[in-house]
Amino acid sequence: MEITDDKNFFILYKPKDIVSGDFYYALAHQPKTRKEELFYLCTADCTGHGVPGALMSMLGISNLNESIIEKEIIEPHEILNNVRNGIIESLDSEDKNEENKDGMDCVLCAFDFKNNTLEFAAANNPLWIFRNGEMLEFKPDKMPVGKYHSELASFTPQKVDLQKGDIVYCFTDGFADQFGGEKGKKFKYKPFQEILIKNAGQSMDEQKKVLETVFENWKGDLEQVDDVLVVGVKI
């Protein structure tokens, strides 16, 4: 589903190369077993960037489509469990004991706008909600959607009742990990969050412009180190 900037959301998408290991996925879907349409939104960071990252992105998108559309899996944590199985099966190497870290970090949301609820699951990346002047942080499971060195536990289901005026932020690590500034250090997550809080009262389009300006000013003449993806959705 193609999405473009609108008053209720923004997408800051800055691939490091022509193709990217970061991707966003958006799908409005009416499950057969539910009366309400769900809007699925995934922000994902696949292993690598450039062509290797893009190939992993294609694998992730393919497995999301299969899980949601074909298999009619509804809950985000179960969708991620199924996507993980598909990725592992596709990447399974000859040496079963070899540790393969290919996969993706992501947040997968299922918005029910009729009932103002959000169900989500998070793999290594958190989800933030700006509400009444403060940022609520929902922590992720500390494991990727892919092969992992320990037993494959299920991803954790999380649910929140949304309020009018909430802004949901999903992102990958590219913004916070960018080197720059006077000392050439990482931007980091706390300053990133502070910018979002400071500008949450602006329009969604203006928030995107602020983030882009801050990123470019911070990076300066240094190389962009990773793909960058930040998505904001205002309720």
C-alpha atoms as a PDB file:
ATOM      1  CA  MET A   1       0.000   0.000   0.000  1.00  0.00           C
ATOM      2  CA  GLU A   2       1.554   3.289  -1.085  1.00  0.00           C
ATOM      3  CA  ILE A   3       1.452   6.053   1.496  1.00  0.00           C
ATOM      4  CA  THR A   4       2.407   9.689   1.144  1.00  0.00           C
ATOM      5  CA  ASP A   5       2.686  12.514   3.640  1.00  0.00           C
ATOM      6  CA  ASP A   6      -0.640  13.613   5.093  1.00  0.00           C
ATOM      7  CA  LYS A   7      -1.747  15.803   7.992  1.00  0.00           C
ATOM      8  CA  ASN A   8      -2.125  12.797  10.320  1.00  0.00           C
ATOM      9  CA  PHE A   9       1.272  11.188   9.806  1.00  0.00           C
ATOM     10  CA  PHE A  10       4.779  11.645   8.469  1.00  0.00           C
ATOM     11  CA  ILE A  11       7.450   9.327   7.119  1.00  0.00           C
ATOM     12  CA  LEU A  12      11.107  10.294   7.273  1.00  0.00           C
ATOM     13  CA  TYR A  13      12.874   7.770   5.061  1.00  0.00           C
ATOM     14  CA  LYS A  14      16.549   8.273   4.211  1.00  0.00           C
ATOM     15  CA  PRO A  15      18.267   5.191   2.787  1.00  0.00           C
ATOM     16  CA  LYS A  16      22.060   5.153   3.090  1.00  0.00           C
ATOM     17  CA  ASP A  17      22.333   3.773  -0.439  1.00  0.00           C
ATOM     18  CA  ILE A  18      19.969   3.654  -3.416  1.00  0.00           C
ATOM     19  CA  VAL A  19      18.267   0.597  -1.945  1.00  0.00           C
ATOM     20  CA  SER A  20      17.719   0.020   1.749  1.00  0.00           C
ATOM     21  CA  GLY A  21      17.626  -2.490   4.581  1.00  0.00           C
ATOM     22  CA  ASP A  22      15.042  -0.320   6.353  1.00  0.00           C
ATOM     23  CA  PHE A  23      11.470  -0.496   5.143  1.00  0.00           C
ATOM     24  CA  TYR A  24       7.996   0.576   6.175  1.00  0.00           C
ATOM     25  CA  TYR A  25       4.970  -1.578   5.497  1.00  0.00           C
ATOM     26  CA  ALA A  26       1.380  -0.343   5.641  1.00  0.00           C
ATOM     27  CA  LEU A  27      -1.743  -2.399   5.001  1.00  0.00           C
ATOM     28  CA  ALA A  28      -5.423  -1.851   5.721  1.00  0.00           C
ATOM     29  CA  HIS A  29      -6.937  -5.313   6.148  1.00  0.00           C
ATOM     30  CA  GLN A  30     -10.325  -6.669   7.160  1.00  0.00           C
ATOM     31  CA  PRO A  31      -9.780 -10.045   8.875  1.00  0.00           C
ATOM     32  CA  LYS A  32     -12.549 -12.536   8.184  1.00  0.00           C
ATOM     33  CA  THR A  33     -13.049 -13.157  11.907  1.00  0.00           C
ATOM     34  CA  ARG A  34     -13.336  -9.489  12.939  1.00  0.00           C
ATOM     35  CA  LYS A  35     -15.859  -6.768  12.218  1.00  0.00           C
ATOM     36  CA  GLU A  36     -13.320  -3.952  12.354  1.00  0.00           C
ATOM     37  CA  GLU A  37     -10.726  -3.173   9.727  1.00  0.00           C
ATOM     38  CA  LEU A  38      -7.186  -3.123  11.073  1.00  0.00           C
ATOM     39  CA  PHE A  39      -4.406  -0.902   9.823  1.00  0.00           C
ATOM     40  CA  TYR A  40      -1.051  -2.656  10.024  1.00  0.00           C
ATOM     41  CA  LEU A  41       2.099  -0.561  10.167  1.00  0.00           C
ATOM     42  CA  CYS A  42       5.578  -2.020  10.391  1.00  0.00           C
ATOM     43  CA  THR A  43       8.865  -0.132  10.645  1.00  0.00           C
ATOM     44  CA  ALA A  44      11.728  -2.535  10.138  1.00  0.00           C
ATOM     45  CA  ASP A  45      15.514  -2.568  10.068  1.00  0.00           C
ATOM     46  CA  CYS A  46      16.930  -5.591   8.269  1.00  0.00           C
ATOM     47  CA  THR A  47      20.466  -6.898   8.603  1.00  0.00           C
ATOM     48  CA  GLY A  48      22.770  -4.812   6.434  1.00  0.00           C
ATOM     49  CA  HIS A  49      22.024  -1.993   4.038  1.00  0.00           C
ATOM     50  CA  GLY A  50      22.295  -1.541   0.285  1.00  0.00           C
ATOM     51  CA  VAL A  51      21.595  -4.645  -1.822  1.00  0.00           C
ATOM     52  CA  PRO A  52      21.979  -7.262   1.000  1.00  0.00           C
ATOM     53  CA  GLY A  53      19.654  -5.222   3.215  1.00  0.00           C
ATOM     54  CA  ALA A  54      17.163  -4.776   0.361  1.00  0.00           C
ATOM     55  CA  LEU A  55      17.036  -8.533  -0.224  1.00  0.00           C
ATOM     56  CA  MET A  56      16.273  -9.061   3.471  1.00  0.00           C
ATOM     57  CA  SER A  57      13.589  -6.351   3.219  1.00  0.00           C
ATOM     58  CA  MET A  58      11.928  -8.222   0.350  1.00  0.00           C
ATOM     59  CA  LEU A  59      11.964 -11.387   2.442  1.00  0.00           C
ATOM     60  CA  GLY A  60      10.426  -9.553   5.397  1.00  0.00           C
ATOM     61  CA  ILE A  61       7.687  -7.928   3.296  1.00  0.00           C
ATOM     62  CA  SER A  62       6.874 -11.227   1.587  1.00  0.00           C
ATOM     63  CA  ASN A  63       6.461 -12.981   4.942  1.00  0.00           C
ATOM     64  CA  LEU A  64       4.336 -10.142   6.334  1.00  0.00           C
ATOM     65  CA  ASN A  65       1.987 -10.412   3.356  1.00  0.00           C
ATOM     66  CA  GLU A  66       1.798 -14.173   3.718  1.00  0.00           C
ATOM     67  CA  SER A  67       1.114 -13.974   7.471  1.00  0.00           C
ATOM     68  CA  ILE A  68      -1.552 -11.251   7.316  1.00  0.00           C
ATOM     69  CA  ILE A  69      -3.260 -11.743   3.952  1.00  0.00           C
ATOM     70  CA  GLU A  70      -2.887 -15.442   3.206  1.00  0.00           C
ATOM     71  CA  LYS A  71      -2.786 -17.022   6.658  1.00  0.00           C
ATOM     72  CA  GLU A  72      -5.131 -14.432   8.231  1.00  0.00           C
ATOM     73  CA  ILE A  73      -3.020 -14.137  11.380  1.00  0.00           C
ATOM     74  CA  ILE A  74      -4.356 -11.129  13.269  1.00  0.00           C
ATOM     75  CA  GLU A  75      -2.275 -10.406  16.366  1.00  0.00           C
ATOM     76  CA  PRO A  76       1.073  -8.667  15.777  1.00  0.00           C
ATOM     77  CA  HIS A  77       3.099 -10.955  18.064  1.00  0.00           C
ATOM     78  CA  GLU A  78       1.784 -14.040  16.275  1.00  0.00           C
ATOM     79  CA  ILE A  79       2.480 -12.403  12.914  1.00  0.00           C
ATOM     80  CA  LEU A  80       6.093 -11.784  13.965  1.00  0.00           C
ATOM     81  CA  ASN A  81       6.390 -15.379  15.183  1.00  0.00           C
ATOM     82  CA  ASN A  82       5.280 -16.569  11.758  1.00  0.00           C
ATOM     83  CA  VAL A  83       7.490 -14.082   9.891  1.00  0.00           C
ATOM     84  CA  ARG A  84      10.448 -15.281  11.957  1.00  0.00           C
ATOM     85  CA  ASN A  85       9.733 -18.893  11.016  1.00  0.00           C
ATOM     86  CA  GLY A  86       9.581 -17.934   7.350  1.00  0.00           C
ATOM     87  CA  ILE A  87      12.849 -15.981   7.496  1.00  0.00           C
ATOM     88  CA  ILE A  88      14.669 -18.779   9.317  1.00  0.00           C
ATOM     89  CA  GLU A  89      13.377 -21.362   6.849  1.00  0.00           C
ATOM     90  CA  SER A  90      14.519 -19.247   3.908  1.00  0.00           C
ATOM     91  CA  LEU A  91      17.972 -18.610   5.355  1.00  0.00           C
ATOM     92  CA  ASP A  92      18.556 -22.028   6.868  1.00  0.00           C
ATOM     93  CA  SER A  93      22.190 -22.935   6.241  1.00  0.00           C
ATOM     94  CA  GLU A  94      23.758 -26.347   5.783  1.00  0.00           C
ATOM     95  CA  ASP A  95      25.435 -26.106   9.171  1.00  0.00           C
ATOM     96  CA  LYS A  96      22.513 -26.173  11.591  1.00  0.00           C
ATOM     97  CA  ASN A  97      24.801 -25.119  14.455  1.00  0.00           C
ATOM     98  CA  GLU A  98      26.105 -22.021  12.712  1.00  0.00           C
ATOM     99  CA  GLU A  99      24.878 -18.800  14.268  1.00  0.00           C
ATOM    100  CA  ASN A 100      23.229 -16.743  11.539  1.00  0.00           C
ATOM    101  CA  LYS A 101      22.252 -13.271  12.666  1.00  0.00           C
ATOM    102  CA  ASP A 102      20.313 -12.324   9.539  1.00  0.00           C
ATOM    103  CA  GLY A 103      16.848 -11.033  10.299  1.00  0.00           C
ATOM    104  CA  MET A 104      15.197  -7.766  11.246  1.00  0.00           C
ATOM    105  CA  ASP A 105      14.458  -5.499  14.187  1.00  0.00           C
ATOM    106  CA  CYS A 106      10.994  -3.988  13.955  1.00  0.00           C
ATOM    107  CA  VAL A 107       7.803  -2.700  15.504  1.00  0.00           C
ATOM    108  CA  LEU A 108       4.575  -4.115  14.069  1.00  0.00           C
ATOM    109  CA  CYS A 109       1.401  -2.185  14.923  1.00  0.00           C
ATOM    110  CA  ALA A 110      -2.250  -3.086  14.356  1.00  0.00           C
ATOM    111  CA  PHE A 111      -4.388   0.053  14.701  1.00  0.00           C
ATOM    112  CA  ASP A 112      -8.118  -0.307  15.304  1.00  0.00           C
ATOM    113  CA  PHE A 113      -9.157   3.288  14.623  1.00  0.00           C
ATOM    114  CA  LYS A 114     -12.854   2.554  15.230  1.00  0.00           C
ATOM    115  CA  ASN A 115     -12.229   1.476  18.820  1.00  0.00           C
ATOM    116  CA  ASN A 116      -9.079   3.565  19.343  1.00  0.00           C
ATOM    117  CA  THR A 117      -6.860   0.655  20.304  1.00  0.00           C
ATOM    118  CA  LEU A 118      -3.367  -0.296  19.275  1.00  0.00           C
ATOM    119  CA  GLU A 119      -1.962  -3.793  19.479  1.00  0.00           C
ATOM    120  CA  PHE A 120       1.717  -4.206  18.719  1.00  0.00           C
ATOM    121  CA  ALA A 121       4.815  -6.329  19.078  1.00  0.00           C
ATOM    122  CA  ALA A 122       8.362  -5.017  19.152  1.00  0.00           C
ATOM    123  CA  ALA A 123      11.626  -6.749  18.272  1.00  0.00           C
ATOM    124  CA  ASN A 124      14.671  -4.861  19.626  1.00  0.00           C
ATOM    125  CA  ASN A 125      13.175  -1.452  18.735  1.00  0.00           C
ATOM    126  CA  PRO A 126      10.837   0.353  21.189  1.00  0.00           C
ATOM    127  CA  LEU A 127       7.565   2.138  20.472  1.00  0.00           C
ATOM    128  CA  TRP A 128       6.970   5.654  21.815  1.00  0.00           C
ATOM    129  CA  ILE A 129       3.662   7.460  22.336  1.00  0.00           C
ATOM    130  CA  PHE A 130       3.580  11.199  23.021  1.00  0.00           C
ATOM    131  CA  ARG A 131       0.669  11.978  25.343  1.00  0.00           C
ATOM    132  CA  ASN A 132      -0.113  15.065  27.441  1.00  0.00           C
ATOM    133  CA  GLY A 133       3.364  16.529  27.233  1.00  0.00           C
ATOM    134  CA  GLU A 134       5.353  13.388  27.945  1.00  0.00           C
ATOM    135  CA  MET A 135       6.682  10.413  26.023  1.00  0.00           C
ATOM    136  CA  LEU A 136       5.494   6.945  27.016  1.00  0.00           C
ATOM    137  CA  GLU A 137       8.005   4.244  26.126  1.00  0.00           C
ATOM    138  CA  PHE A 138       7.020   0.639  25.458  1.00  0.00           C
ATOM    139  CA  LYS A 139      10.011  -1.647  25.606  1.00  0.00           C
ATOM    140  CA  PRO A 140      10.719  -4.313  22.987  1.00  0.00           C
ATOM    141  CA  ASP A 141      11.567  -7.976  23.244  1.00  0.00           C
ATOM    142  CA  LYS A 142      15.348  -8.238  23.167  1.00  0.00           C
ATOM    143  CA  MET A 143      15.480 -10.526  20.166  1.00  0.00           C
ATOM    144  CA  PRO A 144      15.281 -10.079  16.395  1.00  0.00           C
ATOM    145  CA  VAL A 145      12.805 -11.466  13.909  1.00  0.00           C
ATOM    146  CA  GLY A 146      15.268 -14.073  12.702  1.00  0.00           C
ATOM    147  CA  LYS A 147      17.798 -16.555  14.001  1.00  0.00           C
ATOM    148  CA  TYR A 148      18.832 -16.086  17.590  1.00  0.00           C
ATOM    149  CA  HIS A 149      21.337 -17.772  19.875  1.00  0.00           C
ATOM    150  CA  SER A 150      18.737 -18.854  22.452  1.00  0.00           C
ATOM    151  CA  GLU A 151      15.407 -20.659  22.375  1.00  0.00           C
ATOM    152  CA  LEU A 152      12.786 -19.038  20.158  1.00  0.00           C
ATOM    153  CA  ALA A 153      10.305 -17.617  22.627  1.00  0.00           C
ATOM    154  CA  SER A 154       7.122 -15.983  21.399  1.00  0.00           C
ATOM    155  CA  PHE A 155       7.111 -12.243  20.922  1.00  0.00           C
ATOM    156  CA  THR A 156       5.182 -10.385  23.611  1.00  0.00           C
ATOM    157  CA  PRO A 157       1.681  -9.061  22.836  1.00  0.00           C
ATOM    158  CA  GLN A 158       1.242  -5.432  23.900  1.00  0.00           C
ATOM    159  CA  LYS A 159      -1.912  -3.334  23.802  1.00  0.00           C
ATOM    160  CA  VAL A 160      -2.720   0.273  24.586  1.00  0.00           C
ATOM    161  CA  ASP A 161      -5.938   2.302  24.516  1.00  0.00           C
ATOM    162  CA  LEU A 162      -5.312   5.352  22.367  1.00  0.00           C
ATOM    163  CA  GLN A 163      -6.456   8.875  23.202  1.00  0.00           C
ATOM    164  CA  LYS A 164      -7.249  11.707  20.850  1.00  0.00           C
ATOM    165  CA  GLY A 165      -4.093  13.724  20.276  1.00  0.00           C
ATOM    166  CA  ASP A 166      -1.701  10.811  20.921  1.00  0.00           C
ATOM    167  CA  ILE A 167       1.242  10.604  18.538  1.00  0.00           C
ATOM    168  CA  VAL A 168       2.685   7.143  17.942  1.00  0.00           C
ATOM    169  CA  TYR A 169       6.357   7.090  16.919  1.00  0.00           C
ATOM    170  CA  CYS A 170       8.083   4.069  15.405  1.00  0.00           C
ATOM    171  CA  PHE A 171      11.666   4.163  14.145  1.00  0.00           C
ATOM    172  CA  THR A 172      14.846   2.283  13.389  1.00  0.00           C
ATOM    173  CA  ASP A 173      18.260   2.988  14.917  1.00  0.00           C
ATOM    174  CA  GLY A 174      19.714   4.975  12.021  1.00  0.00           C
ATOM    175  CA  PHE A 175      18.857   8.434  13.373  1.00  0.00           C
ATOM    176  CA  ALA A 176      20.192   7.838  16.891  1.00  0.00           C
ATOM    177  CA  ASP A 177      23.313   6.043  15.630  1.00  0.00           C
ATOM    178  CA  GLN A 178      24.405   8.768  13.197  1.00  0.00           C
ATOM    179  CA  PHE A 179      27.835  10.228  13.925  1.00  0.00           C
ATOM    180  CA  GLY A 180      28.211  13.987  13.817  1.00  0.00           C
ATOM    181  CA  GLY A 181      28.346  17.189  15.798  1.00  0.00           C
ATOM    182  CA  GLU A 182      31.545  18.920  16.875  1.00  0.00           C
ATOM    183  CA  LYS A 183      33.036  15.750  18.369  1.00  0.00           C
ATOM    184  CA  GLY A 184      31.846  13.271  15.727  1.00  0.00           C
ATOM    185  CA  LYS A 185      29.850  11.207  18.233  1.00  0.00           C
ATOM    186  CA  LYS A 186      26.538   9.345  17.961  1.00  0.00           C
ATOM    187  CA  PHE A 187      23.359  11.416  18.176  1.00  0.00           C
ATOM    188  CA  LYS A 188      21.803   8.918  20.666  1.00  0.00           C
ATOM    189  CA  TYR A 189      18.211   8.217  21.684  1.00  0.00           C
ATOM    190  CA  LYS A 190      17.685  10.736  24.495  1.00  0.00           C
ATOM    191  CA  PRO A 191      18.312  13.820  22.300  1.00  0.00           C
ATOM    192  CA  PHE A 192      16.222  12.176  19.566  1.00  0.00           C
ATOM    193  CA  GLN A 193      13.322  11.796  21.995  1.00  0.00           C
ATOM    194  CA  GLU A 194      13.758  15.363  23.251  1.00  0.00           C
ATOM    195  CA  ILE A 195      13.394  16.708  19.695  1.00  0.00           C
ATOM    196  CA  LEU A 196      10.173  14.729  19.220  1.00  0.00           C
ATOM    197  CA  ILE A 197       8.758  16.037  22.512  1.00  0.00           C
ATOM    198  CA  LYS A 198       9.767  19.622  21.765  1.00  0.00           C
ATOM    199  CA  ASN A 199       8.102  19.580  18.338  1.00  0.00           C
ATOM    200  CA  ALA A 200       5.080  17.350  19.046  1.00  0.00           C
ATOM    201  CA  GLY A 201       2.780  20.389  18.893  1.00  0.00           C
ATOM    202  CA  GLN A 202       3.818  21.128  15.313  1.00  0.00           C
ATOM    203  CA  SER A 203       2.039  19.721  12.267  1.00  0.00           C
ATOM    204  CA  MET A 204       3.188  16.286  11.174  1.00  0.00           C
ATOM    205  CA  ASP A 205       4.759  17.737   8.043  1.00  0.00           C
ATOM    206  CA  GLU A 206       6.651  20.301  10.127  1.00  0.00           C
ATOM    207  CA  GLN A 207       7.881  17.590  12.507  1.00  0.00           C
ATOM    208  CA  LYS A 208       9.334  15.731   9.542  1.00  0.00           C
ATOM    209  CA  LYS A 209      11.087  18.874   8.298  1.00  0.00           C
ATOM    210  CA  VAL A 210      12.576  19.524  11.745  1.00  0.00           C
ATOM    211  CA  LEU A 211      13.910  15.975  12.019  1.00  0.00           C
ATOM    212  CA  GLU A 212      15.422  16.139   8.546  1.00  0.00           C
ATOM    213  CA  THR A 213      17.100  19.478   9.289  1.00  0.00           C
ATOM    214  CA  VAL A 214      18.462  18.287  12.634  1.00  0.00           C
ATOM    215  CA  PHE A 215      19.797  15.090  11.062  1.00  0.00           C
ATOM    216  CA  GLU A 216      21.541  16.850   8.196  1.00  0.00           C
ATOM    217  CA  ASN A 217      23.032  19.519  10.471  1.00  0.00           C
ATOM    218  CA  TRP A 218      24.296  16.857  12.871  1.00  0.00           C
ATOM    219  CA  LYS A 219      25.775  14.698  10.108  1.00  0.00           C
ATOM    220  CA  GLY A 220      27.492  17.641   8.448  1.00  0.00           C
ATOM    221  CA  ASP A 221      30.209  16.420   6.084  1.00  0.00           C
ATOM    222  CA  LEU A 222      30.368  12.955   7.624  1.00  0.00           C
ATOM    223  CA  GLU A 223      29.055   9.887   5.828  1.00  0.00           C
ATOM    224  CA  GLN A 224      25.566   8.620   6.636  1.00  0.00           C
ATOM    225  CA  VAL A 225      26.272   5.414   8.550  1.00  0.00           C
ATOM    226  CA  ASP A 226      22.950   3.601   8.226  1.00  0.00           C
ATOM    227  CA  ASP A 227      19.473   3.734   6.740  1.00  0.00           C
ATOM    228  CA  VAL A 228      17.149   6.125   8.598  1.00  0.00           C
ATOM    229  CA  LEU A 229      13.418   5.599   9.147  1.00  0.00           C
ATOM    230  CA  VAL A 230      11.076   7.489  11.484  1.00  0.00           C
ATOM    231  CA  VAL A 231       7.261   7.285  11.264  1.00  0.00           C
ATOM    232  CA  GLY A 232       4.813   9.365  13.285  1.00  0.00           C
ATOM    233  CA  VAL A 233       1.044   8.764  13.412  1.00  0.00           C
ATOM    234  CA  LYS A 234      -1.290  11.242  15.115  1.00  0.00           C
ATOM    235  CA  ILE A 235      -4.552   9.915  16.532  1.00  0.00           C
END
